Amino acid sequence: MSVPSRIVLYSVAFLAIAALARFFGLTDMTFNLSLTISLIFCGMGIFIFYYGTHKTTQLFVSSLVFFAGLLIFVFDNFVLDSFSAIILPSVLLMLGFSLLIVFIEDTRKVKLLIPAVVFLLFPLIIALYKGTFVFDEFFSAIGEILSLIWVMIALIGLVLFFIYATGKKN
C-alpha cells in the first residue's frame, strides 16, 4: 500500500474511531473537529509526500483538502456575522493559495501564477470595497488560529514523520 493510500486510510480510520467514541460517550469531540483534524492530516501528509515530484494535480488537490480542513475549523470556532457571505471568498482564497503553492513547488509553471493572484486578490478587493475586512482583526484572528492548532499541526508532523520513517517513499 502506498504512503498516500495509507494517509487516506488513517484519516478515514480516525474519523470512524472518533465517531464511535462519541457515540459510546467516550469523548465529547464534535464531528466537525474530527473532520478538521482528518482533513488537515490527510491534506498535509499527501502534500508532503508529493512535494518536489512536480505532480501538479496531487499537490493541488492535497492543498485544497488541507485548506478545507482549516476552513471548517474557522467556521466552527469563530463567530461569523454572515456565514453565507464568507463561503465564496473562502473558496476563492483556497483555490488561490493552492495554485500559489503548486507554482512555488515548480516555478516553471508561470501560467498558474496569474489565476493564483486573481483568486487571492479578488476576495480581498471585494472585502476592502465592502468595508468588511479590517487588518487588525485579520492578524489577531490568524494569531488566535495558530495558538489553537499549533499542537495539532505538531502532532500531525510527528505522525507523518513516523509514517515516512517506516514506509518506503517511491
N, C-alpha and C. Protein backbone atom coordinates (compact mmCIF):
# COMPACT_ATOMS: atom_id res chain seq x y z
N MET A 1 0.85 -1.18 0.00
CA MET A 1 0.00 0.00 0.00
C MET A 1 0.90 1.24 0.00
N SER A 2 0.59 2.18 -0.87
CA SER A 2 1.43 3.38 -0.98
C SER A 2 1.20 4.30 0.21
N VAL A 3 2.15 5.20 0.42
CA VAL A 3 2.06 6.14 1.54
C VAL A 3 0.80 7.02 1.44
N PRO A 4 0.47 7.62 0.27
CA PRO A 4 -0.76 8.41 0.21
C PRO A 4 -2.01 7.59 0.53
N SER A 5 -2.04 6.34 0.09
CA SER A 5 -3.19 5.48 0.41
C SER A 5 -3.29 5.23 1.91
N ARG A 6 -2.14 5.02 2.54
CA ARG A 6 -2.14 4.82 3.99
C ARG A 6 -2.60 6.08 4.72
N ILE A 7 -2.19 7.25 4.23
CA ILE A 7 -2.61 8.50 4.86
C ILE A 7 -4.12 8.66 4.78
N VAL A 8 -4.69 8.38 3.61
CA VAL A 8 -6.15 8.46 3.46
C VAL A 8 -6.82 7.43 4.37
N LEU A 9 -6.28 6.22 4.41
CA LEU A 9 -6.84 5.17 5.27
C LEU A 9 -6.79 5.58 6.74
N TYR A 10 -5.67 6.13 7.19
CA TYR A 10 -5.55 6.57 8.58
C TYR A 10 -6.52 7.71 8.88
N SER A 11 -6.72 8.59 7.93
CA SER A 11 -7.64 9.71 8.12
C SER A 11 -9.08 9.21 8.28
N VAL A 12 -9.46 8.28 7.42
CA VAL A 12 -10.81 7.72 7.49
C VAL A 12 -10.97 6.90 8.78
N ALA A 13 -9.94 6.15 9.14
CA ALA A 13 -9.99 5.37 10.38
C ALA A 13 -10.13 6.29 11.59
N PHE A 14 -9.42 7.40 11.59
CA PHE A 14 -9.54 8.36 12.68
C PHE A 14 -10.97 8.89 12.78
N LEU A 15 -11.56 9.22 11.64
CA LEU A 15 -12.95 9.70 11.65
C LEU A 15 -13.90 8.64 12.21
N ALA A 16 -13.71 7.40 11.79
CA ALA A 16 -14.58 6.31 12.28
C ALA A 16 -14.40 6.08 13.77
N ILE A 17 -13.15 6.06 14.23
CA ILE A 17 -12.90 5.84 15.66
C ILE A 17 -13.45 7.00 16.49
N ALA A 18 -13.27 8.22 16.01
CA ALA A 18 -13.79 9.38 16.73
C ALA A 18 -15.32 9.35 16.78
N ALA A 19 -15.96 8.94 15.68
CA ALA A 19 -17.42 8.84 15.66
C ALA A 19 -17.91 7.77 16.63
N LEU A 20 -17.22 6.62 16.65
CA LEU A 20 -17.60 5.56 17.59
C LEU A 20 -17.38 6.00 19.04
N ALA A 21 -16.28 6.65 19.30
CA ALA A 21 -16.01 7.12 20.66
C ALA A 21 -17.06 8.13 21.11
N ARG A 22 -17.46 8.98 20.22
CA ARG A 22 -18.52 9.95 20.56
C ARG A 22 -19.85 9.23 20.77
N PHE A 23 -20.16 8.25 19.91
CA PHE A 23 -21.41 7.50 20.01
C PHE A 23 -21.51 6.78 21.36
N PHE A 24 -20.41 6.22 21.83
CA PHE A 24 -20.42 5.49 23.09
C PHE A 24 -20.12 6.38 24.29
N GLY A 25 -20.00 7.68 24.06
CA GLY A 25 -19.81 8.62 25.16
C GLY A 25 -18.41 8.67 25.73
N LEU A 26 -17.44 8.20 24.99
CA LEU A 26 -16.07 8.20 25.48
C LEU A 26 -15.37 9.55 25.28
N THR A 27 -15.90 10.36 24.41
CA THR A 27 -15.33 11.67 24.14
C THR A 27 -16.44 12.64 23.77
N ASP A 28 -16.16 13.92 23.94
CA ASP A 28 -17.14 14.92 23.52
C ASP A 28 -16.63 15.68 22.28
N MET A 29 -15.69 15.07 21.56
CA MET A 29 -15.15 15.67 20.34
C MET A 29 -16.26 15.73 19.29
N THR A 30 -16.46 16.91 18.74
CA THR A 30 -17.51 17.07 17.74
C THR A 30 -17.08 16.45 16.41
N PHE A 31 -18.06 16.19 15.57
CA PHE A 31 -17.76 15.65 14.26
C PHE A 31 -16.94 16.65 13.44
N ASN A 32 -17.29 17.94 13.56
CA ASN A 32 -16.55 18.95 12.80
C ASN A 32 -15.08 18.99 13.20
N LEU A 33 -14.78 18.85 14.48
CA LEU A 33 -13.39 18.83 14.92
C LEU A 33 -12.69 17.59 14.39
N SER A 34 -13.35 16.43 14.44
CA SER A 34 -12.78 15.20 13.90
C SER A 34 -12.51 15.34 12.41
N LEU A 35 -13.46 15.93 11.70
CA LEU A 35 -13.30 16.13 10.26
C LEU A 35 -12.17 17.11 9.98
N THR A 36 -12.07 18.16 10.78
CA THR A 36 -11.00 19.13 10.62
C THR A 36 -9.63 18.46 10.77
N ILE A 37 -9.45 17.71 11.83
CA ILE A 37 -8.18 17.04 12.08
C ILE A 37 -7.88 16.06 10.95
N SER A 38 -8.87 15.31 10.53
CA SER A 38 -8.68 14.32 9.49
C SER A 38 -8.30 14.98 8.15
N LEU A 39 -8.99 16.06 7.78
CA LEU A 39 -8.68 16.74 6.52
C LEU A 39 -7.30 17.40 6.55
N ILE A 40 -6.96 18.02 7.67
CA ILE A 40 -5.65 18.66 7.78
C ILE A 40 -4.55 17.60 7.71
N PHE A 41 -4.72 16.51 8.43
CA PHE A 41 -3.73 15.43 8.39
C PHE A 41 -3.60 14.86 6.98
N CYS A 42 -4.71 14.54 6.36
CA CYS A 42 -4.70 13.94 5.03
C CYS A 42 -4.09 14.89 4.00
N GLY A 43 -4.54 16.13 4.00
CA GLY A 43 -4.02 17.10 3.03
C GLY A 43 -2.54 17.36 3.22
N MET A 44 -2.12 17.57 4.46
CA MET A 44 -0.71 17.86 4.73
C MET A 44 0.16 16.65 4.40
N GLY A 45 -0.29 15.48 4.76
CA GLY A 45 0.51 14.28 4.53
C GLY A 45 0.70 13.99 3.06
N ILE A 46 -0.36 14.06 2.28
CA ILE A 46 -0.24 13.79 0.85
C ILE A 46 0.56 14.89 0.17
N PHE A 47 0.36 16.13 0.62
CA PHE A 47 1.14 17.23 0.04
C PHE A 47 2.62 17.03 0.30
N ILE A 48 2.99 16.69 1.51
CA ILE A 48 4.40 16.48 1.84
C ILE A 48 4.98 15.33 1.01
N PHE A 49 4.18 14.30 0.81
CA PHE A 49 4.64 13.16 0.02
C PHE A 49 4.94 13.56 -1.43
N TYR A 50 4.06 14.38 -2.02
CA TYR A 50 4.21 14.73 -3.43
C TYR A 50 5.02 16.00 -3.68
N TYR A 51 5.36 16.74 -2.63
CA TYR A 51 6.11 17.97 -2.85
C TYR A 51 7.49 17.64 -3.42
N GLY A 52 7.84 18.30 -4.48
CA GLY A 52 9.11 18.07 -5.14
C GLY A 52 9.03 17.07 -6.27
N THR A 53 7.88 16.47 -6.50
CA THR A 53 7.73 15.49 -7.57
C THR A 53 7.14 16.11 -8.84
N HIS A 54 6.72 17.36 -8.76
CA HIS A 54 6.12 18.09 -9.89
C HIS A 54 4.82 17.45 -10.36
N LYS A 55 4.11 16.82 -9.45
CA LYS A 55 2.79 16.25 -9.77
C LYS A 55 1.73 17.28 -9.36
N THR A 56 1.37 18.11 -10.32
CA THR A 56 0.52 19.27 -10.09
C THR A 56 -0.83 18.90 -9.51
N THR A 57 -1.48 17.92 -10.08
CA THR A 57 -2.84 17.57 -9.64
C THR A 57 -2.84 17.10 -8.20
N GLN A 58 -1.93 16.22 -7.83
CA GLN A 58 -1.88 15.71 -6.47
C GLN A 58 -1.57 16.83 -5.47
N LEU A 59 -0.66 17.72 -5.83
CA LEU A 59 -0.32 18.83 -4.94
C LEU A 59 -1.50 19.78 -4.78
N PHE A 60 -2.17 20.07 -5.88
CA PHE A 60 -3.31 20.98 -5.85
C PHE A 60 -4.44 20.40 -5.00
N VAL A 61 -4.79 19.16 -5.24
CA VAL A 61 -5.89 18.54 -4.50
C VAL A 61 -5.54 18.38 -3.03
N SER A 62 -4.32 17.98 -2.72
CA SER A 62 -3.95 17.81 -1.31
C SER A 62 -3.94 19.14 -0.57
N SER A 63 -3.51 20.20 -1.23
CA SER A 63 -3.55 21.51 -0.56
C SER A 63 -4.99 21.99 -0.40
N LEU A 64 -5.86 21.68 -1.36
CA LEU A 64 -7.28 22.02 -1.19
C LEU A 64 -7.89 21.28 0.00
N VAL A 65 -7.53 20.00 0.16
CA VAL A 65 -8.03 19.22 1.29
C VAL A 65 -7.54 19.84 2.60
N PHE A 66 -6.28 20.22 2.66
CA PHE A 66 -5.72 20.87 3.85
C PHE A 66 -6.47 22.17 4.16
N PHE A 67 -6.63 23.02 3.16
CA PHE A 67 -7.32 24.30 3.38
C PHE A 67 -8.80 24.10 3.71
N ALA A 68 -9.41 23.04 3.20
CA ALA A 68 -10.80 22.74 3.57
C ALA A 68 -10.89 22.42 5.05
N GLY A 69 -9.91 21.69 5.56
CA GLY A 69 -9.87 21.41 7.00
C GLY A 69 -9.73 22.68 7.81
N LEU A 70 -8.85 23.59 7.36
CA LEU A 70 -8.71 24.87 8.06
C LEU A 70 -9.99 25.69 7.99
N LEU A 71 -10.66 25.65 6.84
CA LEU A 71 -11.90 26.40 6.67
C LEU A 71 -12.99 25.89 7.62
N ILE A 72 -13.12 24.59 7.74
CA ILE A 72 -14.09 24.02 8.68
C ILE A 72 -13.74 24.44 10.11
N PHE A 73 -12.46 24.44 10.42
CA PHE A 73 -12.02 24.87 11.75
C PHE A 73 -12.42 26.32 12.01
N VAL A 74 -12.18 27.19 11.05
CA VAL A 74 -12.52 28.60 11.21
C VAL A 74 -14.03 28.77 11.37
N PHE A 75 -14.81 28.10 10.51
CA PHE A 75 -16.26 28.21 10.60
C PHE A 75 -16.79 27.69 11.92
N ASP A 76 -16.14 26.66 12.45
CA ASP A 76 -16.61 26.03 13.68
C ASP A 76 -16.20 26.80 14.94
N ASN A 77 -15.09 27.52 14.90
CA ASN A 77 -14.55 28.12 16.11
C ASN A 77 -14.68 29.63 16.22
N PHE A 78 -15.14 30.27 15.18
CA PHE A 78 -15.26 31.72 15.23
C PHE A 78 -16.69 32.13 14.91
N VAL A 79 -17.14 33.16 15.59
CA VAL A 79 -18.47 33.69 15.33
C VAL A 79 -18.36 34.59 14.11
N LEU A 80 -19.06 34.20 13.07
CA LEU A 80 -19.04 34.96 11.83
C LEU A 80 -20.38 35.65 11.65
N ASP A 81 -20.34 36.90 11.21
CA ASP A 81 -21.58 37.67 11.04
C ASP A 81 -22.49 37.03 10.00
N SER A 82 -21.93 36.68 8.88
CA SER A 82 -22.72 36.10 7.80
C SER A 82 -21.97 34.91 7.23
N PHE A 83 -22.44 33.73 7.58
CA PHE A 83 -21.79 32.50 7.13
C PHE A 83 -21.82 32.40 5.61
N SER A 84 -22.95 32.70 5.01
CA SER A 84 -23.08 32.56 3.56
C SER A 84 -22.24 33.57 2.81
N ALA A 85 -22.00 34.73 3.39
CA ALA A 85 -21.22 35.76 2.72
C ALA A 85 -19.74 35.43 2.67
N ILE A 86 -19.30 34.52 3.51
CA ILE A 86 -17.86 34.21 3.56
C ILE A 86 -17.50 32.95 2.79
N ILE A 87 -18.48 32.18 2.35
CA ILE A 87 -18.18 30.92 1.65
C ILE A 87 -17.47 31.16 0.33
N LEU A 88 -18.02 32.01 -0.54
CA LEU A 88 -17.39 32.24 -1.84
C LEU A 88 -15.99 32.83 -1.71
N PRO A 89 -15.78 33.87 -0.89
CA PRO A 89 -14.40 34.36 -0.74
C PRO A 89 -13.45 33.29 -0.18
N SER A 90 -13.94 32.46 0.72
CA SER A 90 -13.09 31.41 1.28
C SER A 90 -12.70 30.39 0.22
N VAL A 91 -13.63 30.00 -0.61
CA VAL A 91 -13.33 29.04 -1.67
C VAL A 91 -12.33 29.65 -2.66
N LEU A 92 -12.53 30.92 -3.01
CA LEU A 92 -11.60 31.59 -3.92
C LEU A 92 -10.20 31.67 -3.31
N LEU A 93 -10.12 31.97 -2.01
CA LEU A 93 -8.82 32.02 -1.34
C LEU A 93 -8.17 30.64 -1.31
N MET A 94 -8.96 29.60 -1.07
CA MET A 94 -8.43 28.24 -1.07
C MET A 94 -7.84 27.90 -2.44
N LEU A 95 -8.57 28.23 -3.50
CA LEU A 95 -8.08 27.98 -4.85
C LEU A 95 -6.81 28.78 -5.12
N GLY A 96 -6.80 30.04 -4.71
CA GLY A 96 -5.64 30.89 -4.92
C GLY A 96 -4.40 30.39 -4.20
N PHE A 97 -4.56 30.04 -2.92
CA PHE A 97 -3.42 29.52 -2.16
C PHE A 97 -2.94 28.18 -2.72
N SER A 98 -3.86 27.33 -3.14
CA SER A 98 -3.46 26.03 -3.70
C SER A 98 -2.69 26.21 -5.00
N LEU A 99 -3.16 27.10 -5.87
CA LEU A 99 -2.43 27.37 -7.11
C LEU A 99 -1.07 28.00 -6.83
N LEU A 100 -1.02 28.90 -5.85
CA LEU A 100 0.24 29.53 -5.49
C LEU A 100 1.25 28.51 -4.96
N ILE A 101 0.78 27.58 -4.15
CA ILE A 101 1.66 26.54 -3.61
C ILE A 101 2.18 25.65 -4.74
N VAL A 102 1.32 25.31 -5.69
CA VAL A 102 1.78 24.49 -6.82
C VAL A 102 2.80 25.27 -7.64
N PHE A 103 2.59 26.58 -7.80
CA PHE A 103 3.56 27.40 -8.52
C PHE A 103 4.90 27.45 -7.77
N ILE A 104 4.84 27.61 -6.46
CA ILE A 104 6.07 27.67 -5.66
C ILE A 104 6.85 26.36 -5.78
N GLU A 105 6.13 25.24 -5.85
CA GLU A 105 6.77 23.94 -5.97
C GLU A 105 7.48 23.80 -7.32
N ASP A 106 6.90 24.38 -8.37
CA ASP A 106 7.50 24.31 -9.71
C ASP A 106 7.34 25.68 -10.38
N THR A 107 8.34 26.52 -10.20
CA THR A 107 8.25 27.91 -10.68
C THR A 107 8.25 28.03 -12.20
N ARG A 108 8.44 26.92 -12.90
CA ARG A 108 8.34 26.96 -14.36
C ARG A 108 6.89 27.07 -14.81
N LYS A 109 5.95 26.78 -13.95
CA LYS A 109 4.53 26.83 -14.29
C LYS A 109 3.97 28.22 -14.01
N VAL A 110 4.49 29.19 -14.75
CA VAL A 110 4.13 30.59 -14.56
C VAL A 110 2.65 30.82 -14.86
N LYS A 111 2.07 30.00 -15.75
CA LYS A 111 0.66 30.16 -16.09
C LYS A 111 -0.26 29.96 -14.89
N LEU A 112 0.23 29.32 -13.83
CA LEU A 112 -0.57 29.14 -12.62
C LEU A 112 -0.54 30.37 -11.72
N LEU A 113 0.46 31.21 -11.91
CA LEU A 113 0.61 32.38 -11.06
C LEU A 113 -0.50 33.40 -11.29
N ILE A 114 -0.93 33.58 -12.53
CA ILE A 114 -1.97 34.57 -12.85
C ILE A 114 -3.30 34.23 -12.18
N PRO A 115 -3.84 33.00 -12.35
CA PRO A 115 -5.09 32.70 -11.65
C PRO A 115 -4.92 32.69 -10.13
N ALA A 116 -3.73 32.32 -9.65
CA ALA A 116 -3.50 32.34 -8.20
C ALA A 116 -3.63 33.74 -7.66
N VAL A 117 -3.00 34.69 -8.32
CA VAL A 117 -3.08 36.09 -7.87
C VAL A 117 -4.51 36.61 -7.97
N VAL A 118 -5.21 36.27 -9.06
CA VAL A 118 -6.60 36.71 -9.22
C VAL A 118 -7.47 36.14 -8.10
N PHE A 119 -7.34 34.84 -7.84
CA PHE A 119 -8.14 34.20 -6.79
C PHE A 119 -7.80 34.73 -5.40
N LEU A 120 -6.58 35.18 -5.20
CA LEU A 120 -6.19 35.74 -3.91
C LEU A 120 -6.61 37.19 -3.75
N LEU A 121 -6.51 37.95 -4.81
CA LEU A 121 -6.82 39.38 -4.71
C LEU A 121 -8.31 39.70 -4.82
N PHE A 122 -9.05 38.94 -5.61
CA PHE A 122 -10.46 39.24 -5.82
C PHE A 122 -11.26 39.28 -4.52
N PRO A 123 -11.18 38.28 -3.65
CA PRO A 123 -11.92 38.37 -2.38
C PRO A 123 -11.45 39.51 -1.50
N LEU A 124 -10.16 39.79 -1.52
CA LEU A 124 -9.61 40.88 -0.72
C LEU A 124 -10.13 42.24 -1.20
N ILE A 125 -10.16 42.43 -2.51
CA ILE A 125 -10.66 43.69 -3.08
C ILE A 125 -12.14 43.87 -2.74
N ILE A 126 -12.91 42.80 -2.86
CA ILE A 126 -14.35 42.89 -2.52
C ILE A 126 -14.52 43.22 -1.05
N ALA A 127 -13.76 42.56 -0.19
CA ALA A 127 -13.87 42.81 1.25
C ALA A 127 -13.45 44.24 1.60
N LEU A 128 -12.41 44.74 0.97
CA LEU A 128 -11.99 46.12 1.21
C LEU A 128 -13.03 47.11 0.70
N TYR A 129 -13.62 46.80 -0.45
CA TYR A 129 -14.65 47.67 -1.03
C TYR A 129 -15.89 47.72 -0.15
N LYS A 130 -16.31 46.55 0.36
CA LYS A 130 -17.49 46.50 1.23
C LYS A 130 -17.20 46.98 2.64
N GLY A 131 -15.93 47.06 2.99
CA GLY A 131 -15.56 47.51 4.33
C GLY A 131 -15.66 46.42 5.37
N THR A 132 -15.67 45.16 4.93
CA THR A 132 -15.79 44.05 5.87
C THR A 132 -14.44 43.49 6.30
N PHE A 133 -13.36 43.99 5.74
CA PHE A 133 -12.03 43.49 6.06
C PHE A 133 -11.29 44.54 6.88
N VAL A 134 -10.84 44.15 8.06
CA VAL A 134 -10.06 45.04 8.93
C VAL A 134 -8.75 44.33 9.23
N PHE A 135 -7.63 44.96 8.89
CA PHE A 135 -6.32 44.32 9.02
C PHE A 135 -6.02 43.90 10.45
N ASP A 136 -6.35 44.73 11.45
CA ASP A 136 -6.07 44.38 12.84
C ASP A 136 -6.80 43.11 13.25
N GLU A 137 -8.08 43.01 12.88
CA GLU A 137 -8.86 41.82 13.21
C GLU A 137 -8.33 40.59 12.49
N PHE A 138 -7.90 40.78 11.24
CA PHE A 138 -7.38 39.67 10.45
C PHE A 138 -6.13 39.08 11.11
N PHE A 139 -5.18 39.93 11.47
CA PHE A 139 -3.94 39.43 12.05
C PHE A 139 -4.16 38.87 13.46
N SER A 140 -5.08 39.43 14.22
CA SER A 140 -5.36 38.85 15.53
C SER A 140 -6.05 37.50 15.39
N ALA A 141 -6.89 37.34 14.36
CA ALA A 141 -7.55 36.05 14.12
C ALA A 141 -6.53 35.00 13.70
N ILE A 142 -5.56 35.38 12.88
CA ILE A 142 -4.51 34.43 12.47
C ILE A 142 -3.72 33.97 13.69
N GLY A 143 -3.38 34.90 14.56
CA GLY A 143 -2.66 34.54 15.78
C GLY A 143 -3.48 33.61 16.65
N GLU A 144 -4.78 33.87 16.75
CA GLU A 144 -5.66 33.02 17.56
C GLU A 144 -5.77 31.62 16.96
N ILE A 145 -5.88 31.54 15.64
CA ILE A 145 -5.97 30.23 14.98
C ILE A 145 -4.69 29.44 15.22
N LEU A 146 -3.55 30.08 15.05
CA LEU A 146 -2.27 29.38 15.27
C LEU A 146 -2.12 28.93 16.72
N SER A 147 -2.59 29.75 17.66
CA SER A 147 -2.48 29.35 19.06
C SER A 147 -3.39 28.16 19.37
N LEU A 148 -4.47 28.00 18.62
CA LEU A 148 -5.39 26.88 18.85
C LEU A 148 -4.93 25.59 18.20
N ILE A 149 -4.27 25.68 17.04
CA ILE A 149 -3.98 24.45 16.30
C ILE A 149 -2.51 24.09 16.21
N TRP A 150 -1.63 24.82 16.89
CA TRP A 150 -0.21 24.51 16.76
C TRP A 150 0.12 23.12 17.29
N VAL A 151 -0.55 22.69 18.33
CA VAL A 151 -0.30 21.35 18.87
C VAL A 151 -0.75 20.30 17.87
N MET A 152 -1.91 20.53 17.24
CA MET A 152 -2.43 19.58 16.27
C MET A 152 -1.48 19.46 15.08
N ILE A 153 -0.96 20.57 14.59
CA ILE A 153 -0.04 20.53 13.46
C ILE A 153 1.27 19.85 13.85
N ALA A 154 1.74 20.08 15.07
CA ALA A 154 2.96 19.42 15.54
C ALA A 154 2.74 17.90 15.64
N LEU A 155 1.59 17.49 16.15
CA LEU A 155 1.30 16.05 16.24
C LEU A 155 1.17 15.41 14.86
N ILE A 156 0.54 16.13 13.94
CA ILE A 156 0.42 15.62 12.57
C ILE A 156 1.80 15.45 11.96
N GLY A 157 2.66 16.42 12.17
CA GLY A 157 4.03 16.32 11.67
C GLY A 157 4.76 15.12 12.26
N LEU A 158 4.55 14.87 13.54
CA LEU A 158 5.18 13.72 14.19
C LEU A 158 4.66 12.40 13.61
N VAL A 159 3.36 12.32 13.42
CA VAL A 159 2.77 11.11 12.83
C VAL A 159 3.30 10.91 11.42
N LEU A 160 3.35 11.98 10.63
CA LEU A 160 3.87 11.87 9.27
C LEU A 160 5.33 11.43 9.26
N PHE A 161 6.09 11.92 10.22
CA PHE A 161 7.48 11.50 10.31
C PHE A 161 7.57 9.99 10.51
N PHE A 162 6.73 9.45 11.41
CA PHE A 162 6.76 8.01 11.65
C PHE A 162 6.25 7.23 10.45
N ILE A 163 5.28 7.77 9.72
CA ILE A 163 4.79 7.09 8.52
C ILE A 163 5.91 7.00 7.49
N TYR A 164 6.60 8.10 7.28
CA TYR A 164 7.66 8.10 6.27
C TYR A 164 8.89 7.34 6.74
N ALA A 165 9.13 7.30 8.04
CA ALA A 165 10.28 6.58 8.56
C ALA A 165 10.08 5.07 8.44
N THR A 166 8.84 4.60 8.52
CA THR A 166 8.58 3.17 8.45
C THR A 166 8.23 2.69 7.05
N GLY A 167 7.82 3.60 6.17
CA GLY A 167 7.46 3.21 4.80
C GLY A 167 8.49 3.66 3.81
N LYS A 168 8.38 3.11 2.63
CA LYS A 168 9.30 3.49 1.56
C LYS A 168 8.59 4.49 0.67
N LYS A 169 9.23 5.60 0.44
CA LYS A 169 8.67 6.63 -0.44
C LYS A 169 9.22 6.39 -1.84
N ASN A 170 8.35 6.00 -2.76
CA ASN A 170 8.78 5.72 -4.14
C ASN A 170 8.85 7.01 -4.93
